Protein backbone atom coordinates (compact mmCIF):
# COMPACT_ATOMS: atom_id res chain seq x y z
CA UNK A 1 81.97 -27.59 -33.68
CA UNK A 2 79.45 -30.38 -34.46
CA UNK A 3 80.48 -33.97 -33.97
CA UNK A 4 81.04 -36.15 -37.03
CA UNK A 5 78.54 -38.54 -38.35
CA UNK A 6 81.48 -40.84 -39.65
CA UNK A 7 85.13 -41.39 -39.53
CA UNK A 8 86.99 -42.93 -42.33
CA UNK A 9 89.87 -45.09 -41.54
CA UNK A 10 92.41 -46.30 -43.90
CA UNK A 11 93.55 -49.93 -43.27
CA UNK A 12 96.18 -52.09 -44.75
CA UNK A 13 95.11 -55.76 -44.31
CA UNK A 14 97.67 -58.59 -43.85
CA UNK A 15 95.74 -61.85 -43.98
CA UNK A 16 97.12 -65.22 -42.97
CA UNK A 17 98.97 -63.96 -39.91
CA UNK A 18 99.64 -66.18 -36.90
CA UNK A 19 97.34 -64.01 -34.68
CA UNK A 20 95.05 -60.98 -35.06
CA UNK A 21 97.05 -57.76 -34.36
CA UNK A 22 96.02 -53.91 -34.69
CA UNK A 23 98.97 -51.46 -34.92
CA UNK A 24 101.44 -50.10 -37.10
CA UNK A 25 101.42 -47.69 -40.30
CA UNK A 26 101.48 -48.49 -43.90
CA UNK A 27 101.81 -45.49 -46.55
CA UNK A 28 99.56 -46.78 -49.23
CA UNK A 29 97.39 -45.33 -51.67
CA UNK A 30 94.88 -43.83 -49.35
CA UNK A 31 97.25 -42.15 -47.26
CA UNK A 32 98.78 -43.31 -43.97
CA UNK A 33 96.94 -46.41 -43.05
CA UNK A 34 96.51 -48.65 -39.81
CA UNK A 35 97.75 -52.09 -40.08
CA UNK A 36 95.47 -54.91 -39.31
CA UNK A 37 96.92 -58.36 -39.40
CA UNK A 38 94.32 -60.99 -39.32
CA UNK A 39 94.47 -65.00 -39.02
CA UNK A 40 91.84 -65.46 -41.74
CA UNK A 41 92.67 -66.03 -45.26
CA UNK A 42 92.04 -63.57 -48.18
CA UNK A 43 89.19 -65.78 -49.40
CA UNK A 44 85.52 -65.12 -49.88
CA UNK A 45 86.02 -61.86 -47.84
CA UNK A 46 86.94 -63.48 -44.85
CA UNK A 47 90.07 -61.51 -43.98
CA UNK A 48 88.03 -58.30 -44.62
CA UNK A 49 85.25 -59.31 -42.20
CA UNK A 50 88.08 -60.35 -39.72
CA UNK A 51 89.56 -56.84 -40.20
CA UNK A 52 86.47 -55.06 -39.86
CA UNK A 53 85.69 -56.90 -36.47
CA UNK A 54 89.34 -56.35 -35.23
CA UNK A 55 89.11 -52.60 -36.04
CA UNK A 56 86.01 -52.30 -34.15
CA UNK A 57 87.52 -54.22 -31.16
CA UNK A 58 90.56 -51.84 -31.32
CA UNK A 59 88.60 -48.75 -31.33
CA UNK A 60 86.00 -49.99 -28.57
CA UNK A 61 82.90 -49.78 -30.90
CA UNK A 62 80.40 -52.29 -31.76
CA UNK A 63 81.12 -54.26 -35.14
CA UNK A 64 77.91 -53.10 -36.54
CA UNK A 65 79.39 -49.46 -36.49
CA UNK A 66 82.19 -50.48 -38.67
CA UNK A 67 81.40 -51.04 -42.51
CA UNK A 68 83.37 -51.38 -45.58
CA UNK A 69 83.31 -48.10 -47.84
CA UNK A 70 85.83 -49.38 -50.42
CA UNK A 71 88.56 -51.99 -51.29
CA UNK A 72 86.64 -55.22 -50.83
CA UNK A 73 89.31 -57.17 -53.29
CA UNK A 74 92.35 -55.53 -52.04
CA UNK A 75 94.52 -55.29 -49.20
CA UNK A 76 94.11 -51.51 -49.03
CA UNK A 77 90.61 -50.74 -47.63
CA UNK A 78 88.69 -47.87 -46.36
CA UNK A 79 86.26 -48.53 -43.44
CA UNK A 80 83.57 -46.15 -42.07
CA UNK A 81 83.16 -45.84 -38.34
CA UNK A 82 79.59 -44.66 -37.55
CA UNK A 83 79.13 -41.88 -34.84
CA UNK A 84 82.92 -41.98 -33.68
CA UNK A 85 83.48 -40.35 -30.40
CA UNK A 86 85.54 -37.50 -29.89
CA UNK A 87 88.45 -39.76 -28.52
CA UNK A 88 88.54 -42.08 -31.62
CA UNK A 89 90.51 -39.83 -33.72
CA UNK A 90 93.27 -39.76 -31.29
CA UNK A 91 93.28 -43.37 -30.56
CA UNK A 92 93.30 -44.21 -34.12
CA UNK A 93 96.69 -42.08 -34.54
CA UNK A 94 98.23 -43.87 -31.58
CA UNK A 95 97.45 -47.26 -32.84
CA UNK A 96 98.69 -46.25 -36.41
CA UNK A 97 101.70 -44.40 -35.17
CA UNK A 98 103.30 -46.73 -32.60
CA UNK A 99 102.53 -44.88 -29.18
CA UNK A 100 100.27 -47.74 -28.19
CA UNK A 101 100.73 -51.51 -28.14
């Protein structure tokens, strides 16, 4: 089975949180989404950028490997992860479904 070129990650962003946190599930318009709480406000794309960086950190990839595909002005976003390793899908499920802190 060939490796995927990209992995699409549905995300629900919660701006204005007391601290950045990745984990939890939100059943949104894009299906089950990973919850990312960020300290940054929802102004001028700052929350989106903070969420992109937090997602990269949680998945252990370079921030440059994560890009926004859809949802720039929404709390419900789709991010693309370039060249995901085989372990990323499992890690994403654990973060979203709560078996990892």
